[in-house]
Structures are given as C-alpha cells and as structure tokens.
Amino acid sequence: MGMMAEATPTLPKMDPSSLNRSLRRNIAALEERRRAEAAAATREERIAGAITAFTGSMRFVYLHLAFYGAWIAVNLGLVPGVPKFDESFVILAMEASVEAIFLSTFVLISQNRMAAAADKRADLDLQISLLAEHELTKLSEVLVKIAERLDVRVAADPEIQEVGRNVSPEAVLDEIEAQQGR
C-alpha cells in the first residue's frame, strides 16, 4: 500500500488581518460581551470559578497525590520517626468526603453559570438563523421575479416554491417534539 497523502485544507490559511471589517467587529463585540459578563459575575461566582479552575488542574492532582500519599505512607508506618495518627484511615475518608461535597458544589455553581451563557449563545444563534432564513426567503422571491422578467420559468419548481415560504419556528419545534415523543 502506498503512503497516504497528507490532508490539506481547501483554502490556504488566511491572515486574520485579512478578515472583513464586519467579521472582525463581530468578533470584538462578542469578546467584549464575554469580558462584561465576567466583570458582572458576583463575588461568589468568581470564587467558585477560581476554585473550579484550580481543582480542574494538574497542580490540584499533584497536590492531592502528595498529600494523600504522605498521609497513607505515615499511617502505614513507612515514614520512620513520624507517629501514626489515623491507622484506620477514618479521618482521611471523612476529610475526602467533606472535600468532595464542597468541590461538587463549586463545580455545579460553575456549570450553572456556563449553562446560562450557553443558553444565551443558543438563543442568539437561533435568532440569527431565523433572520437569515427570512432574508433568504425574501431573496428567493426577488430572484423568482427577476427570472420571470427574463422568461426563465422557475416559479413552478416545487423546491423554489418551498424556499419561498417562511418557516414558522413554532411549527419546527412542535415537529421536533413530536418526533422525539415517538
């Protein structure tokens, strides 16, 4: 078997400065919105976010490996000169359980905040999609009229007729729910 060709992009990589002004403006607006939302976070949300970020890091894992490893080594009698203080590991189990309760709470707080942000982005995506669909419907109407003026018969085409109809978001959601309920 021959060597597989290396995958190449369909377009060469673009210089970000070559993006059109509207796209760069939109990117900047979204980034500014994220900064504003981060600045508007409550003190408790910022603390929960910082704790979640730390506990989701390898530094946290290494710290726990060292802490729990030392605790276990001492209480197994592997460290000469250091007396055992939790031979049954009950204190260690209790400490780990309490820590797990607090960590899971911090993670849930952070997830709730992220879910709210995701909901906002999904709403924005939906609104933009609905606007684009409406604009394309209007554009198809104009194109059909231009085609008619040029004696190009497209109005009878079922696909063109379908594209020319506005979509009701409520009807789409009702159909999705009906399909999921089957």
C-alpha atoms as a PDB file:
ATOM      1  CA  MET A   1       0.000   0.000   0.000  1.00  0.00           C
ATOM      2  CA  GLY A   2       1.332   3.468  -0.855  1.00  0.00           C
ATOM      3  CA  MET A   3       1.752   6.335   1.517  1.00  0.00           C
ATOM      4  CA  MET A   4      -1.394   8.306   2.178  1.00  0.00           C
ATOM      5  CA  ALA A   5      -1.308  11.889   1.020  1.00  0.00           C
ATOM      6  CA  GLU A   6      -1.225  14.475   3.764  1.00  0.00           C
ATOM      7  CA  ALA A   7      -4.579  16.213   4.201  1.00  0.00           C
ATOM      8  CA  THR A   8      -4.578  19.805   3.061  1.00  0.00           C
ATOM      9  CA  PRO A   9      -7.166  22.484   3.702  1.00  0.00           C
ATOM     10  CA  THR A  10      -9.414  23.510   0.851  1.00  0.00           C
ATOM     11  CA  LEU A  11      -8.165  27.069   1.193  1.00  0.00           C
ATOM     12  CA  PRO A  12      -4.762  28.296   2.274  1.00  0.00           C
ATOM     13  CA  LYS A  13      -4.576  29.658   5.804  1.00  0.00           C
ATOM     14  CA  MET A  14      -5.679  33.274   5.898  1.00  0.00           C
ATOM     15  CA  ASP A  15      -4.009  36.077   7.745  1.00  0.00           C
ATOM     16  CA  PRO A  16      -6.531  37.142  10.459  1.00  0.00           C
ATOM     17  CA  SER A  17      -5.988  40.783   9.494  1.00  0.00           C
ATOM     18  CA  SER A  18      -7.482  39.968   6.083  1.00  0.00           C
ATOM     19  CA  LEU A  19     -10.910  39.182   7.600  1.00  0.00           C
ATOM     20  CA  ASN A  20     -13.583  41.654   6.589  1.00  0.00           C
ATOM     21  CA  ARG A  21     -14.362  44.555   8.936  1.00  0.00           C
ATOM     22  CA  SER A  22     -17.822  43.291   9.802  1.00  0.00           C
ATOM     23  CA  LEU A  23     -16.497  39.913  10.937  1.00  0.00           C
ATOM     24  CA  ARG A  24     -13.687  41.498  12.962  1.00  0.00           C
ATOM     25  CA  ARG A  25     -16.212  43.881  14.546  1.00  0.00           C
ATOM     26  CA  ASN A  26     -18.495  40.962  15.471  1.00  0.00           C
ATOM     27  CA  ILE A  27     -15.601  39.013  16.987  1.00  0.00           C
ATOM     28  CA  ALA A  28     -14.580  42.066  19.026  1.00  0.00           C
ATOM     29  CA  ALA A  29     -18.191  42.631  20.152  1.00  0.00           C
ATOM     30  CA  LEU A  30     -18.524  39.022  21.315  1.00  0.00           C
ATOM     31  CA  GLU A  31     -15.220  39.191  23.191  1.00  0.00           C
ATOM     32  CA  GLU A  32     -16.253  42.477  24.827  1.00  0.00           C
ATOM     33  CA  ARG A  33     -19.567  40.878  25.829  1.00  0.00           C
ATOM     34  CA  ARG A  34     -17.707  37.941  27.435  1.00  0.00           C
ATOM     35  CA  ARG A  35     -15.486  40.366  29.359  1.00  0.00           C
ATOM     36  CA  ALA A  36     -18.531  42.349  30.517  1.00  0.00           C
ATOM     37  CA  GLU A  37     -20.298  39.177  31.663  1.00  0.00           C
ATOM     38  CA  ALA A  38     -17.168  38.066  33.541  1.00  0.00           C
ATOM     39  CA  ALA A  39     -16.929  41.502  35.183  1.00  0.00           C
ATOM     40  CA  ALA A  40     -20.625  41.322  36.138  1.00  0.00           C
ATOM     41  CA  ALA A  41     -20.167  37.991  37.921  1.00  0.00           C
ATOM     42  CA  THR A  42     -20.883  38.082  41.623  1.00  0.00           C
ATOM     43  CA  ARG A  43     -18.049  37.657  44.098  1.00  0.00           C
ATOM     44  CA  GLU A  44     -19.346  34.181  44.937  1.00  0.00           C
ATOM     45  CA  GLU A  45     -19.413  33.197  41.248  1.00  0.00           C
ATOM     46  CA  ARG A  46     -15.846  34.410  40.751  1.00  0.00           C
ATOM     47  CA  ILE A  47     -14.682  32.479  43.823  1.00  0.00           C
ATOM     48  CA  ALA A  48     -16.490  29.335  42.660  1.00  0.00           C
ATOM     49  CA  GLY A  49     -14.966  29.764  39.190  1.00  0.00           C
ATOM     50  CA  ALA A  50     -11.455  30.173  40.597  1.00  0.00           C
ATOM     51  CA  ILE A  51     -11.857  27.112  42.829  1.00  0.00           C
ATOM     52  CA  THR A  52     -13.262  25.059  39.954  1.00  0.00           C
ATOM     53  CA  ALA A  53     -10.416  26.164  37.677  1.00  0.00           C
ATOM     54  CA  PHE A  54      -7.840  25.171  40.301  1.00  0.00           C
ATOM     55  CA  THR A  55      -9.477  21.847  41.144  1.00  0.00           C
ATOM     56  CA  GLY A  56      -9.632  21.018  37.450  1.00  0.00           C
ATOM     57  CA  SER A  57      -5.871  21.420  37.065  1.00  0.00           C
ATOM     58  CA  MET A  58      -2.967  19.013  37.203  1.00  0.00           C
ATOM     59  CA  ARG A  59      -1.492  21.101  40.036  1.00  0.00           C
ATOM     60  CA  PHE A  60      -4.511  20.056  42.132  1.00  0.00           C
ATOM     61  CA  VAL A  61      -3.939  16.407  41.181  1.00  0.00           C
ATOM     62  CA  TYR A  62      -0.250  16.590  42.126  1.00  0.00           C
ATOM     63  CA  LEU A  63      -1.069  18.313  45.410  1.00  0.00           C
ATOM     64  CA  HIS A  64      -3.544  15.552  46.262  1.00  0.00           C
ATOM     65  CA  LEU A  65      -1.145  12.814  45.244  1.00  0.00           C
ATOM     66  CA  ALA A  66       1.465  14.287  47.596  1.00  0.00           C
ATOM     67  CA  PHE A  67      -0.985  14.948  50.448  1.00  0.00           C
ATOM     68  CA  TYR A  68      -2.827  11.614  50.326  1.00  0.00           C
ATOM     69  CA  GLY A  69       0.350   9.709  49.541  1.00  0.00           C
ATOM     70  CA  ALA A  70       2.104  11.209  52.594  1.00  0.00           C
ATOM     71  CA  TRP A  71      -0.956  10.574  54.783  1.00  0.00           C
ATOM     72  CA  ILE A  72      -1.103   6.934  53.713  1.00  0.00           C
ATOM     73  CA  ALA A  73       2.673   6.411  53.966  1.00  0.00           C
ATOM     74  CA  VAL A  74       2.751   7.844  57.518  1.00  0.00           C
ATOM     75  CA  ASN A  75      -0.216   5.790  58.674  1.00  0.00           C
ATOM     76  CA  LEU A  76       1.162   2.600  57.187  1.00  0.00           C
ATOM     77  CA  GLY A  77       4.331   3.184  59.195  1.00  0.00           C
ATOM     78  CA  LEU A  78       6.515   3.730  56.128  1.00  0.00           C
ATOM     79  CA  VAL A  79       7.952   7.044  57.385  1.00  0.00           C
ATOM     80  CA  PRO A  80      10.409   6.389  60.256  1.00  0.00           C
ATOM     81  CA  GLY A  81      10.159   8.753  63.198  1.00  0.00           C
ATOM     82  CA  VAL A  82       6.662  10.016  62.324  1.00  0.00           C
ATOM     83  CA  PRO A  83       3.942   8.528  64.530  1.00  0.00           C
ATOM     84  CA  LYS A  84       0.782   7.066  63.011  1.00  0.00           C
ATOM     85  CA  PHE A  85      -2.273   9.231  63.655  1.00  0.00           C
ATOM     86  CA  ASP A  86      -5.009   7.618  61.503  1.00  0.00           C
ATOM     87  CA  GLU A  87      -4.295   3.900  61.346  1.00  0.00           C
ATOM     88  CA  SER A  88      -7.842   3.027  60.203  1.00  0.00           C
ATOM     89  CA  PHE A  89      -7.905   5.910  57.672  1.00  0.00           C
ATOM     90  CA  VAL A  90     -11.297   7.047  59.028  1.00  0.00           C
ATOM     91  CA  ILE A  91     -10.147  10.667  59.295  1.00  0.00           C
ATOM     92  CA  LEU A  92      -8.773  10.555  55.755  1.00  0.00           C
ATOM     93  CA  ALA A  93     -12.061   9.139  54.444  1.00  0.00           C
ATOM     94  CA  MET A  94     -14.051  11.809  56.289  1.00  0.00           C
ATOM     95  CA  GLU A  95     -11.789  14.608  55.001  1.00  0.00           C
ATOM     96  CA  ALA A  96     -12.071  13.306  51.435  1.00  0.00           C
ATOM     97  CA  SER A  97     -15.861  13.069  51.731  1.00  0.00           C
ATOM     98  CA  VAL A  98     -16.239  16.629  53.011  1.00  0.00           C
ATOM     99  CA  GLU A  99     -13.892  17.886  50.300  1.00  0.00           C
ATOM    100  CA  ALA A 100     -15.932  16.033  47.652  1.00  0.00           C
ATOM    101  CA  ILE A 101     -19.140  17.673  48.882  1.00  0.00           C
ATOM    102  CA  PHE A 102     -17.669  21.162  48.591  1.00  0.00           C
ATOM    103  CA  LEU A 103     -15.916  20.513  45.281  1.00  0.00           C
ATOM    104  CA  SER A 104     -19.076  19.123  43.684  1.00  0.00           C
ATOM    105  CA  THR A 105     -20.974  22.221  44.847  1.00  0.00           C
ATOM    106  CA  PHE A 106     -18.372  24.543  43.299  1.00  0.00           C
ATOM    107  CA  VAL A 107     -18.461  22.554  40.062  1.00  0.00           C
ATOM    108  CA  LEU A 108     -22.267  22.776  39.954  1.00  0.00           C
ATOM    109  CA  ILE A 109     -22.165  26.548  40.511  1.00  0.00           C
ATOM    110  CA  SER A 110     -19.707  26.904  37.630  1.00  0.00           C
ATOM    111  CA  GLN A 111     -21.731  24.578  35.401  1.00  0.00           C
ATOM    112  CA  ASN A 112     -24.898  26.572  36.080  1.00  0.00           C
ATOM    113  CA  ARG A 113     -23.125  29.762  35.031  1.00  0.00           C
ATOM    114  CA  MET A 114     -21.734  28.101  31.898  1.00  0.00           C
ATOM    115  CA  ALA A 115     -25.177  26.665  31.047  1.00  0.00           C
ATOM    116  CA  ALA A 116     -26.734  30.137  31.323  1.00  0.00           C
ATOM    117  CA  ALA A 117     -24.080  31.530  28.962  1.00  0.00           C
ATOM    118  CA  ALA A 118     -24.637  28.616  26.554  1.00  0.00           C
ATOM    119  CA  ASP A 119     -28.390  29.284  26.605  1.00  0.00           C
ATOM    120  CA  LYS A 120     -27.759  32.923  25.670  1.00  0.00           C
ATOM    121  CA  ARG A 121     -25.494  31.864  22.796  1.00  0.00           C
ATOM    122  CA  ALA A 122     -28.062  29.305  21.614  1.00  0.00           C
ATOM    123  CA  ASP A 123     -30.764  31.990  21.651  1.00  0.00           C
ATOM    124  CA  LEU A 124     -28.501  34.302  19.650  1.00  0.00           C
ATOM    125  CA  ASP A 125     -27.743  31.507  17.154  1.00  0.00           C
ATOM    126  CA  LEU A 126     -31.456  30.801  16.766  1.00  0.00           C
ATOM    127  CA  GLN A 127     -32.316  34.461  16.234  1.00  0.00           C
ATOM    128  CA  ILE A 128     -29.566  34.855  13.623  1.00  0.00           C
ATOM    129  CA  SER A 129     -30.653  31.654  11.869  1.00  0.00           C
ATOM    130  CA  LEU A 130     -34.283  32.790  11.795  1.00  0.00           C
ATOM    131  CA  LEU A 131     -33.266  36.182  10.442  1.00  0.00           C
ATOM    132  CA  ALA A 132     -31.058  34.569   7.773  1.00  0.00           C
ATOM    133  CA  GLU A 133     -33.868  32.181   6.802  1.00  0.00           C
ATOM    134  CA  HIS A 134     -36.315  35.093   6.474  1.00  0.00           C
ATOM    135  CA  GLU A 135     -33.824  37.115   4.417  1.00  0.00           C
ATOM    136  CA  LEU A 136     -33.165  34.141   2.120  1.00  0.00           C
ATOM    137  CA  THR A 137     -36.910  33.674   1.639  1.00  0.00           C
ATOM    138  CA  LYS A 138     -37.249  37.316   0.600  1.00  0.00           C
ATOM    139  CA  LEU A 139     -34.202  36.991  -1.652  1.00  0.00           C
ATOM    140  CA  SER A 140     -35.711  33.924  -3.360  1.00  0.00           C
ATOM    141  CA  GLU A 141     -38.880  35.942  -4.053  1.00  0.00           C
ATOM    142  CA  VAL A 142     -36.787  38.637  -5.744  1.00  0.00           C
ATOM    143  CA  LEU A 143     -34.871  36.063  -7.776  1.00  0.00           C
ATOM    144  CA  VAL A 144     -38.103  34.421  -8.955  1.00  0.00           C
ATOM    145  CA  LYS A 145     -39.400  37.818 -10.105  1.00  0.00           C
ATOM    146  CA  ILE A 146     -36.117  38.516 -11.929  1.00  0.00           C
ATOM    147  CA  ALA A 147     -36.295  35.073 -13.553  1.00  0.00           C
ATOM    148  CA  GLU A 148     -39.884  35.770 -14.672  1.00  0.00           C
ATOM    149  CA  ARG A 149     -38.799  39.066 -16.261  1.00  0.00           C
ATOM    150  CA  LEU A 150     -36.113  37.146 -18.146  1.00  0.00           C
ATOM    151  CA  ASP A 151     -38.664  34.496 -19.202  1.00  0.00           C
ATOM    152  CA  VAL A 152     -36.953  31.806 -17.120  1.00  0.00           C
ATOM    153  CA  ARG A 153     -39.644  29.567 -15.663  1.00  0.00           C
ATOM    154  CA  VAL A 154     -38.736  28.715 -12.118  1.00  0.00           C
ATOM    155  CA  ALA A 155     -41.891  29.605 -10.191  1.00  0.00           C
ATOM    156  CA  ALA A 156     -43.454  26.186 -10.886  1.00  0.00           C
ATOM    157  CA  ASP A 157     -40.463  24.317  -9.459  1.00  0.00           C
ATOM    158  CA  PRO A 158     -41.616  22.737  -6.152  1.00  0.00           C
ATOM    159  CA  GLU A 159     -38.253  23.353  -4.495  1.00  0.00           C
ATOM    160  CA  ILE A 160     -38.376  27.039  -5.417  1.00  0.00           C
ATOM    161  CA  GLN A 161     -41.921  27.242  -4.041  1.00  0.00           C
ATOM    162  CA  GLU A 162     -40.758  25.608  -0.833  1.00  0.00           C
ATOM    163  CA  VAL A 163     -37.803  28.002  -0.437  1.00  0.00           C
ATOM    164  CA  GLY A 164     -40.198  30.905  -0.951  1.00  0.00           C
ATOM    165  CA  ARG A 165     -42.245  30.031   2.142  1.00  0.00           C
ATOM    166  CA  ASN A 166     -41.335  31.436   5.539  1.00  0.00           C
ATOM    167  CA  VAL A 167     -40.647  28.876   8.247  1.00  0.00           C
ATOM    168  CA  SER A 168     -42.575  29.018  11.497  1.00  0.00           C
ATOM    169  CA  PRO A 169     -40.196  28.323  14.402  1.00  0.00           C
ATOM    170  CA  GLU A 170     -43.134  27.133  16.495  1.00  0.00           C
ATOM    171  CA  ALA A 171     -44.095  24.554  13.866  1.00  0.00           C
ATOM    172  CA  VAL A 172     -40.498  23.327  13.669  1.00  0.00           C
ATOM    173  CA  LEU A 173     -40.285  22.975  17.460  1.00  0.00           C
ATOM    174  CA  ASP A 174     -43.661  21.181  17.540  1.00  0.00           C
ATOM    175  CA  GLU A 175     -42.453  18.716  14.891  1.00  0.00           C
ATOM    176  CA  ILE A 176     -39.149  18.114  16.729  1.00  0.00           C
ATOM    177  CA  GLU A 177     -41.034  17.425  19.961  1.00  0.00           C
ATOM    178  CA  ALA A 178     -43.468  15.123  18.142  1.00  0.00           C
ATOM    179  CA  GLN A 179     -40.572  13.157  16.621  1.00  0.00           C
ATOM    180  CA  GLN A 180     -38.819  12.876  19.987  1.00  0.00           C
ATOM    181  CA  GLY A 181     -42.017  11.666  21.653  1.00  0.00           C
ATOM    182  CA  ARG A 182     -42.336   8.687  19.331  1.00  0.00           C
END
